[in-house]
Amino acid sequence: PHDAIARQAFHGEGILAFLPLSDPHLCSIVWSL
C-alpha cells in the first residue's frame, strides 16, 4: 500500500513521481523522460 504518501525519485536524466490514489494499491505516475 502507498500509505497516502506522494513519492518522487530522481534517476539519471529522469524524474518519476508516484501519486497516491484513493485505492491504497493504486498510484498515478508522472514519469519525465
PDB file of all heavy atoms in Angstrom:
ATOM      1  N   PRO A   1       0.830  -1.218   0.000  1.00  0.00           N
ATOM      2  CA  PRO A   1       0.000   0.000   0.000  1.00  0.00           C
ATOM      3  C   PRO A   1       0.858   1.260   0.000  1.00  0.00           C
ATOM      4  O   PRO A   1       1.965   1.269   0.553  1.00  0.00           O
ATOM      5  CB  PRO A   1      -0.804  -0.114   1.313  1.00  0.00           C
ATOM      6  CG  PRO A   1      -0.017  -1.044   2.173  1.00  0.00           C
ATOM      7  CD  PRO A   1       0.707  -1.985   1.252  1.00  0.00           C
ATOM      8  N   HIS A   2       0.342   2.327  -0.632  1.00  0.00           N
ATOM      9  CA  HIS A   2       1.121   3.572  -0.727  1.00  0.00           C
ATOM     10  C   HIS A   2       1.101   4.406   0.555  1.00  0.00           C
ATOM     11  O   HIS A   2       1.884   5.345   0.708  1.00  0.00           O
ATOM     12  CB  HIS A   2       0.654   4.419  -1.920  1.00  0.00           C
ATOM     13  CG  HIS A   2      -0.810   4.705  -1.952  1.00  0.00           C
ATOM     14  ND1 HIS A   2      -1.483   5.345  -0.939  1.00  0.00           N
ATOM     15  CD2 HIS A   2      -1.759   4.435  -2.910  1.00  0.00           C
ATOM     16  CE1 HIS A   2      -2.760   5.474  -1.249  1.00  0.00           C
ATOM     17  NE2 HIS A   2      -2.968   4.927  -2.445  1.00  0.00           N
ATOM     18  N   ASP A   3       0.210   4.050   1.500  1.00  0.00           N
ATOM     19  CA  ASP A   3       0.114   4.749   2.797  1.00  0.00           C
ATOM     20  C   ASP A   3      -0.104   6.251   2.651  1.00  0.00           C
ATOM     21  O   ASP A   3       0.351   7.032   3.497  1.00  0.00           O
ATOM     22  CB  ASP A   3       1.358   4.497   3.664  1.00  0.00           C
ATOM     23  CG  ASP A   3       1.485   3.029   4.071  1.00  0.00           C
ATOM     24  OD1 ASP A   3       0.425   2.376   4.206  1.00  0.00           O
ATOM     25  OD2 ASP A   3       2.616   2.536   4.230  1.00  0.00           O
ATOM     26  N   ALA A   4      -0.775   6.668   1.574  1.00  0.00           N
ATOM     27  CA  ALA A   4      -1.100   8.083   1.335  1.00  0.00           C
ATOM     28  C   ALA A   4       0.145   8.975   1.359  1.00  0.00           C
ATOM     29  O   ALA A   4       0.130  10.092   1.877  1.00  0.00           O
ATOM     30  CB  ALA A   4      -2.133   8.581   2.354  1.00  0.00           C
ATOM     31  N   ILE A   5       1.236   8.456   0.784  1.00  0.00           N
ATOM     32  CA  ILE A   5       2.481   9.234   0.682  1.00  0.00           C
ATOM     33  C   ILE A   5       2.788   9.466  -0.800  1.00  0.00           C
ATOM     34  O   ILE A   5       2.745   8.533  -1.605  1.00  0.00           O
ATOM     35  CB  ILE A   5       3.664   8.500   1.361  1.00  0.00           C
ATOM     36  CG1 ILE A   5       3.409   8.390   2.879  1.00  0.00           C
ATOM     37  CG2 ILE A   5       4.990   9.199   1.092  1.00  0.00           C
ATOM     38  CD1 ILE A   5       4.393   7.483   3.604  1.00  0.00           C
ATOM     39  N   ALA A   6       3.064  10.725  -1.152  1.00  0.00           N
ATOM     40  CA  ALA A   6       3.490  11.047  -2.522  1.00  0.00           C
ATOM     41  C   ALA A   6       5.004  10.855  -2.580  1.00  0.00           C
ATOM     42  O   ALA A   6       5.726  11.315  -1.697  1.00  0.00           O
ATOM     43  CB  ALA A   6       3.117  12.489  -2.851  1.00  0.00           C
ATOM     44  N   ARG A   7       5.476  10.180  -3.610  1.00  0.00           N
ATOM     45  CA  ARG A   7       6.903   9.866  -3.697  1.00  0.00           C
ATOM     46  C   ARG A   7       7.477  10.347  -5.028  1.00  0.00           C
ATOM     47  O   ARG A   7       6.804  10.270  -6.053  1.00  0.00           O
ATOM     48  CB  ARG A   7       7.124   8.354  -3.561  1.00  0.00           C
ATOM     49  CG  ARG A   7       6.716   7.791  -2.198  1.00  0.00           C
ATOM     50  CD  ARG A   7       6.716   6.271  -2.196  1.00  0.00           C
ATOM     51  NE  ARG A   7       6.517   5.719  -0.866  1.00  0.00           N
ATOM     52  CZ  ARG A   7       5.321   5.480  -0.311  1.00  0.00           C
ATOM     53  NH1 ARG A   7       4.224   5.760  -1.007  1.00  0.00           N
ATOM     54  NH2 ARG A   7       5.218   4.975   0.901  1.00  0.00           N
ATOM     55  N   GLN A   8       8.734  10.797  -4.980  1.00  0.00           N
ATOM     56  CA  GLN A   8       9.384  11.274  -6.202  1.00  0.00           C
ATOM     57  C   GLN A   8      10.846  10.846  -6.203  1.00  0.00           C
ATOM     58  O   GLN A   8      11.565  11.083  -5.232  1.00  0.00           O
ATOM     59  CB  GLN A   8       9.277  12.795  -6.267  1.00  0.00           C
ATOM     60  CG  GLN A   8       9.704  13.365  -7.602  1.00  0.00           C
ATOM     61  CD  GLN A   8       9.076  14.729  -7.838  1.00  0.00           C
ATOM     62  OE1 GLN A   8       7.881  14.849  -8.078  1.00  0.00           O
ATOM     63  NE2 GLN A   8       9.850  15.768  -7.751  1.00  0.00           N
ATOM     64  N   ALA A   9      11.254  10.201  -7.277  1.00  0.00           N
ATOM     65  CA  ALA A   9      12.638   9.729  -7.392  1.00  0.00           C
ATOM     66  C   ALA A   9      13.310  10.395  -8.590  1.00  0.00           C
ATOM     67  O   ALA A   9      12.728  10.487  -9.666  1.00  0.00           O
ATOM     68  CB  ALA A   9      12.652   8.205  -7.570  1.00  0.00           C
ATOM     69  N   PHE A  10      14.531  10.869  -8.374  1.00  0.00           N
ATOM     70  CA  PHE A  10      15.353  11.406  -9.458  1.00  0.00           C
ATOM     71  C   PHE A  10      16.333  10.315  -9.860  1.00  0.00           C
ATOM     72  O   PHE A  10      17.010   9.740  -9.005  1.00  0.00           O
ATOM     73  CB  PHE A  10      16.120  12.639  -8.981  1.00  0.00           C
ATOM     74  CG  PHE A  10      15.245  13.820  -8.703  1.00  0.00           C
ATOM     75  CD1 PHE A  10      14.649  13.987  -7.463  1.00  0.00           C
ATOM     76  CD2 PHE A  10      15.000  14.767  -9.681  1.00  0.00           C
ATOM     77  CE1 PHE A  10      13.823  15.077  -7.206  1.00  0.00           C
ATOM     78  CE2 PHE A  10      14.181  15.852  -9.447  1.00  0.00           C
ATOM     79  CZ  PHE A  10      13.594  16.013  -8.208  1.00  0.00           C
ATOM     80  N   HIS A  11      16.396  10.021 -11.164  1.00  0.00           N
ATOM     81  CA  HIS A  11      17.325   8.978 -11.611  1.00  0.00           C
ATOM     82  C   HIS A  11      17.946   9.397 -12.933  1.00  0.00           C
ATOM     83  O   HIS A  11      17.227   9.641 -13.903  1.00  0.00           O
ATOM     84  CB  HIS A  11      16.594   7.628 -11.757  1.00  0.00           C
ATOM     85  CG  HIS A  11      15.525   7.638 -12.800  1.00  0.00           C
ATOM     86  ND1 HIS A  11      15.752   7.256 -14.098  1.00  0.00           N
ATOM     87  CD2 HIS A  11      14.232   8.023 -12.742  1.00  0.00           C
ATOM     88  CE1 HIS A  11      14.632   7.395 -14.797  1.00  0.00           C
ATOM     89  NE2 HIS A  11      13.690   7.864 -14.001  1.00  0.00           N
ATOM     90  N   GLY A  12      19.245   9.536 -12.975  1.00  0.00           N
ATOM     91  CA  GLY A  12      19.922   9.903 -14.226  1.00  0.00           C
ATOM     92  C   GLY A  12      19.273  11.118 -14.853  1.00  0.00           C
ATOM     93  O   GLY A  12      19.252  12.199 -14.296  1.00  0.00           O
ATOM     94  N   GLU A  13      18.676  10.920 -16.037  1.00  0.00           N
ATOM     95  CA  GLU A  13      18.025  12.033 -16.749  1.00  0.00           C
ATOM     96  C   GLU A  13      16.517  12.080 -16.514  1.00  0.00           C
ATOM     97  O   GLU A  13      15.822  12.866 -17.143  1.00  0.00           O
ATOM     98  CB  GLU A  13      18.308  11.909 -18.258  1.00  0.00           C
ATOM     99  CG  GLU A  13      19.764  12.054 -18.640  1.00  0.00           C
ATOM    100  CD  GLU A  13      20.334  13.443 -18.335  1.00  0.00           C
ATOM    101  OE1 GLU A  13      19.562  14.417 -18.330  1.00  0.00           O
ATOM    102  OE2 GLU A  13      21.539  13.537 -18.068  1.00  0.00           O
ATOM    103  N   GLY A  14      16.003  11.235 -15.634  1.00  0.00           N
ATOM    104  CA  GLY A  14      14.552  11.155 -15.465  1.00  0.00           C
ATOM    105  C   GLY A  14      14.086  11.533 -14.067  1.00  0.00           C
ATOM    106  O   GLY A  14      14.859  11.559 -13.111  1.00  0.00           O
ATOM    107  N   ILE A  15      12.781  11.823 -13.969  1.00  0.00           N
ATOM    108  CA  ILE A  15      12.136  12.127 -12.687  1.00  0.00           C
ATOM    109  C   ILE A  15      10.845  11.324 -12.658  1.00  0.00           C
ATOM    110  O   ILE A  15      10.036  11.411 -13.583  1.00  0.00           O
ATOM    111  CB  ILE A  15      11.800  13.629 -12.547  1.00  0.00           C
ATOM    112  CG1 ILE A  15      13.025  14.501 -12.815  1.00  0.00           C
ATOM    113  CG2 ILE A  15      11.217  13.928 -11.161  1.00  0.00           C
ATOM    114  CD1 ILE A  15      12.671  15.970 -13.091  1.00  0.00           C
ATOM    115  N   LEU A  16      10.650  10.539 -11.604  1.00  0.00           N
ATOM    116  CA  LEU A  16       9.484   9.663 -11.524  1.00  0.00           C
ATOM    117  C   LEU A  16       8.676   9.988 -10.267  1.00  0.00           C
ATOM    118  O   LEU A  16       9.188   9.905  -9.156  1.00  0.00           O
ATOM    119  CB  LEU A  16       9.951   8.199 -11.499  1.00  0.00           C
ATOM    120  CG  LEU A  16       8.890   7.126 -11.252  1.00  0.00           C
ATOM    121  CD1 LEU A  16       7.805   7.169 -12.312  1.00  0.00           C
ATOM    122  CD2 LEU A  16       9.544   5.738 -11.234  1.00  0.00           C
ATOM    123  N   ALA A  17       7.414  10.382 -10.457  1.00  0.00           N
ATOM    124  CA  ALA A  17       6.539  10.674  -9.320  1.00  0.00           C
ATOM    125  C   ALA A  17       5.439   9.622  -9.231  1.00  0.00           C
ATOM    126  O   ALA A  17       4.834   9.266 -10.245  1.00  0.00           O
ATOM    127  CB  ALA A  17       5.919  12.061  -9.476  1.00  0.00           C
ATOM    128  N   PHE A  18       5.213   9.112  -8.020  1.00  0.00           N
ATOM    129  CA  PHE A  18       4.115   8.198  -7.720  1.00  0.00           C
ATOM    130  C   PHE A  18       3.126   8.949  -6.835  1.00  0.00           C
ATOM    131  O   PHE A  18       3.460   9.312  -5.693  1.00  0.00           O
ATOM    132  CB  PHE A  18       4.629   6.966  -6.955  1.00  0.00           C
ATOM    133  CG  PHE A  18       4.968   5.787  -7.823  1.00  0.00           C
ATOM    134  CD1 PHE A  18       5.996   5.862  -8.753  1.00  0.00           C
ATOM    135  CD2 PHE A  18       4.282   4.584  -7.707  1.00  0.00           C
ATOM    136  CE1 PHE A  18       6.330   4.770  -9.547  1.00  0.00           C
ATOM    137  CE2 PHE A  18       4.603   3.489  -8.504  1.00  0.00           C
ATOM    138  CZ  PHE A  18       5.627   3.579  -9.435  1.00  0.00           C
ATOM    139  N   LEU A  19       1.936   9.210  -7.346  1.00  0.00           N
ATOM    140  CA  LEU A  19       0.938   9.997  -6.607  1.00  0.00           C
ATOM    141  C   LEU A  19      -0.173   9.071  -6.125  1.00  0.00           C
ATOM    142  O   LEU A  19      -0.792   8.374  -6.932  1.00  0.00           O
ATOM    143  CB  LEU A  19       0.371  11.090  -7.520  1.00  0.00           C
ATOM    144  CG  LEU A  19       1.433  11.978  -8.183  1.00  0.00           C
ATOM    145  CD1 LEU A  19       0.809  12.898  -9.213  1.00  0.00           C
ATOM    146  CD2 LEU A  19       2.207  12.779  -7.144  1.00  0.00           C
ATOM    147  N   PRO A  20      -0.429   9.030  -4.813  1.00  0.00           N
ATOM    148  CA  PRO A  20      -1.366   8.048  -4.254  1.00  0.00           C
ATOM    149  C   PRO A  20      -2.826   8.354  -4.600  1.00  0.00           C
ATOM    150  O   PRO A  20      -3.285   9.479  -4.434  1.00  0.00           O
ATOM    151  CB  PRO A  20      -1.144   8.173  -2.738  1.00  0.00           C
ATOM    152  CG  PRO A  20      -0.620   9.560  -2.540  1.00  0.00           C
ATOM    153  CD  PRO A  20       0.148   9.901  -3.774  1.00  0.00           C
ATOM    154  N   LEU A  21      -3.547   7.338  -5.084  1.00  0.00           N
ATOM    155  CA  LEU A  21      -4.979   7.484  -5.392  1.00  0.00           C
ATOM    156  C   LEU A  21      -5.812   6.892  -4.245  1.00  0.00           C
ATOM    157  O   LEU A  21      -5.258   6.372  -3.279  1.00  0.00           O
ATOM    158  CB  LEU A  21      -5.295   6.790  -6.720  1.00  0.00           C
ATOM    159  CG  LEU A  21      -4.578   7.393  -7.950  1.00  0.00           C
ATOM    160  CD1 LEU A  21      -4.820   6.551  -9.188  1.00  0.00           C
ATOM    161  CD2 LEU A  21      -4.998   8.840  -8.197  1.00  0.00           C
ATOM    162  N   SER A  22      -7.152   6.957  -4.361  1.00  0.00           N
ATOM    163  CA  SER A  22      -7.987   6.538  -3.225  1.00  0.00           C
ATOM    164  C   SER A  22      -7.891   5.038  -2.926  1.00  0.00           C
ATOM    165  O   SER A  22      -8.005   4.635  -1.784  1.00  0.00           O
ATOM    166  CB  SER A  22      -9.436   6.974  -3.418  1.00  0.00           C
ATOM    167  OG  SER A  22      -9.825   6.881  -4.754  1.00  0.00           O
ATOM    168  N   ASP A  23      -7.661   4.212  -3.949  1.00  0.00           N
ATOM    169  CA  ASP A  23      -7.379   2.794  -3.708  1.00  0.00           C
ATOM    170  C   ASP A  23      -5.955   2.693  -3.140  1.00  0.00           C
ATOM    171  O   ASP A  23      -5.009   3.198  -3.744  1.00  0.00           O
ATOM    172  CB  ASP A  23      -7.479   2.035  -5.040  1.00  0.00           C
ATOM    173  CG  ASP A  23      -7.176   0.543  -4.917  1.00  0.00           C
ATOM    174  OD1 ASP A  23      -6.284   0.165  -4.141  1.00  0.00           O
ATOM    175  OD2 ASP A  23      -7.833  -0.249  -5.620  1.00  0.00           O
ATOM    176  N   PRO A  24      -5.768   2.050  -1.962  1.00  0.00           N
ATOM    177  CA  PRO A  24      -4.439   2.032  -1.317  1.00  0.00           C
ATOM    178  C   PRO A  24      -3.332   1.374  -2.149  1.00  0.00           C
ATOM    179  O   PRO A  24      -2.155   1.530  -1.845  1.00  0.00           O
ATOM    180  CB  PRO A  24      -4.668   1.272  -0.008  1.00  0.00           C
ATOM    181  CG  PRO A  24      -5.987   0.580  -0.160  1.00  0.00           C
ATOM    182  CD  PRO A  24      -6.787   1.368  -1.140  1.00  0.00           C
ATOM    183  N   HIS A  25      -3.728   0.658  -3.201  1.00  0.00           N
ATOM    184  CA  HIS A  25      -2.716  -0.001  -4.042  1.00  0.00           C
ATOM    185  C   HIS A  25      -2.616   0.617  -5.441  1.00  0.00           C
ATOM    186  O   HIS A  25      -1.963   0.063  -6.322  1.00  0.00           O
ATOM    187  CB  HIS A  25      -3.001  -1.502  -4.157  1.00  0.00           C
ATOM    188  CG  HIS A  25      -2.782  -2.239  -2.869  1.00  0.00           C
ATOM    189  ND1 HIS A  25      -1.556  -2.721  -2.487  1.00  0.00           N
ATOM    190  CD2 HIS A  25      -3.639  -2.519  -1.851  1.00  0.00           C
ATOM    191  CE1 HIS A  25      -1.671  -3.300  -1.295  1.00  0.00           C
ATOM    192  NE2 HIS A  25      -2.919  -3.181  -0.885  1.00  0.00           N
ATOM    193  N   LEU A  26      -3.272   1.757  -5.658  1.00  0.00           N
ATOM    194  CA  LEU A  26      -3.200   2.416  -6.971  1.00  0.00           C
ATOM    195  C   LEU A  26      -2.483   3.759  -6.859  1.00  0.00           C
ATOM    196  O   LEU A  26      -2.737   4.530  -5.938  1.00  0.00           O
ATOM    197  CB  LEU A  26      -4.597   2.664  -7.549  1.00  0.00           C
ATOM    198  CG  LEU A  26      -5.343   1.501  -8.205  1.00  0.00           C
ATOM    199  CD1 LEU A  26      -6.623   2.001  -8.849  1.00  0.00           C
ATOM    200  CD2 LEU A  26      -4.489   0.769  -9.239  1.00  0.00           C
ATOM    201  N   CYS A  27      -1.589   4.006  -7.820  1.00  0.00           N
ATOM    202  CA  CYS A  27      -0.911   5.302  -7.901  1.00  0.00           C
ATOM    203  C   CYS A  27      -0.988   5.818  -9.331  1.00  0.00           C
ATOM    204  O   CYS A  27      -1.000   5.039 -10.283  1.00  0.00           O
ATOM    205  CB  CYS A  27       0.571   5.177  -7.523  1.00  0.00           C
ATOM    206  SG  CYS A  27       0.873   4.953  -5.766  1.00  0.00           S
ATOM    207  N   SER A  28      -1.030   7.137  -9.447  1.00  0.00           N
ATOM    208  CA  SER A  28      -0.919   7.762 -10.756  1.00  0.00           C
ATOM    209  C   SER A  28       0.549   8.135 -10.908  1.00  0.00           C
ATOM    210  O   SER A  28       1.134   8.726 -10.001  1.00  0.00           O
ATOM    211  CB  SER A  28      -1.794   9.011 -10.803  1.00  0.00           C
ATOM    212  OG  SER A  28      -1.660   9.641 -12.053  1.00  0.00           O
ATOM    213  N   ILE A  29       1.170   7.768 -12.020  1.00  0.00           N
ATOM    214  CA  ILE A  29       2.578   8.149 -12.182  1.00  0.00           C
ATOM    215  C   ILE A  29       2.735   9.254 -13.224  1.00  0.00           C
ATOM    216  O   ILE A  29       1.971   9.346 -14.184  1.00  0.00           O
ATOM    217  CB  ILE A  29       3.495   6.950 -12.567  1.00  0.00           C
ATOM    218  CG1 ILE A  29       3.149   6.384 -13.961  1.00  0.00           C
ATOM    219  CG2 ILE A  29       3.477   5.873 -11.505  1.00  0.00           C
ATOM    220  CD1 ILE A  29       4.289   5.600 -14.600  1.00  0.00           C
ATOM    221  N   VAL A  30       3.724  10.116 -12.962  1.00  0.00           N
ATOM    222  CA  VAL A  30       4.172  11.104 -13.947  1.00  0.00           C
ATOM    223  C   VAL A  30       5.674  10.863 -14.061  1.00  0.00           C
ATOM    224  O   VAL A  30       6.431  11.101 -13.123  1.00  0.00           O
ATOM    225  CB  VAL A  30       3.895  12.553 -13.487  1.00  0.00           C
ATOM    226  CG1 VAL A  30       4.328  13.530 -14.580  1.00  0.00           C
ATOM    227  CG2 VAL A  30       2.420  12.747 -13.160  1.00  0.00           C
ATOM    228  N   TRP A  31       6.089  10.351 -15.227  1.00  0.00           N
ATOM    229  CA  TRP A  31       7.489   9.989 -15.426  1.00  0.00           C
ATOM    230  C   TRP A  31       8.071  10.916 -16.495  1.00  0.00           C
ATOM    231  O   TRP A  31       7.715  10.818 -17.665  1.00  0.00           O
ATOM    232  CB  TRP A  31       7.555   8.531 -15.868  1.00  0.00           C
ATOM    233  CG  TRP A  31       8.908   7.889 -15.702  1.00  0.00           C
ATOM    234  CD1 TRP A  31      10.058   8.472 -15.281  1.00  0.00           C
ATOM    235  CD2 TRP A  31       9.232   6.502 -15.969  1.00  0.00           C
ATOM    236  NE1 TRP A  31      11.078   7.546 -15.249  1.00  0.00           N
ATOM    237  CE2 TRP A  31      10.601   6.340 -15.663  1.00  0.00           C
ATOM    238  CE3 TRP A  31       8.494   5.411 -16.428  1.00  0.00           C
ATOM    239  CZ2 TRP A  31      11.247   5.112 -15.810  1.00  0.00           C
ATOM    240  CZ3 TRP A  31       9.136   4.187 -16.570  1.00  0.00           C
ATOM    241  CH2 TRP A  31      10.500   4.040 -16.262  1.00  0.00           C
ATOM    242  N   SER A  32       8.932  11.836 -16.065  1.00  0.00           N
ATOM    243  CA  SER A  32       9.557  12.778 -17.002  1.00  0.00           C
ATOM    244  C   SER A  32      10.831  12.152 -17.546  1.00  0.00           C
ATOM    245  O   SER A  32      11.755  11.857 -16.783  1.00  0.00           O
ATOM    246  CB  SER A  32       9.896  14.094 -16.290  1.00  0.00           C
ATOM    247  OG  SER A  32       8.740  14.645 -15.729  1.00  0.00           O
ATOM    248  N   LEU A  33      10.861  11.985 -18.856  1.00  0.00           N
ATOM    249  CA  LEU A  33      11.986  11.309 -19.515  1.00  0.00           C
ATOM    250  C   LEU A  33      12.376  12.076 -20.770  1.00  0.00           C
ATOM    251  O   LEU A  33      11.611  12.925 -21.248  1.00  0.00           O
ATOM    252  CB  LEU A  33      11.567   9.891 -19.927  1.00  0.00           C
ATOM    253  CG  LEU A  33      11.244   8.892 -18.802  1.00  0.00           C
ATOM    254  CD1 LEU A  33      10.383   7.760 -19.348  1.00  0.00           C
ATOM    255  CD2 LEU A  33      12.521   8.351 -18.182  1.00  0.00           C
TER     256      LEU A  33
END
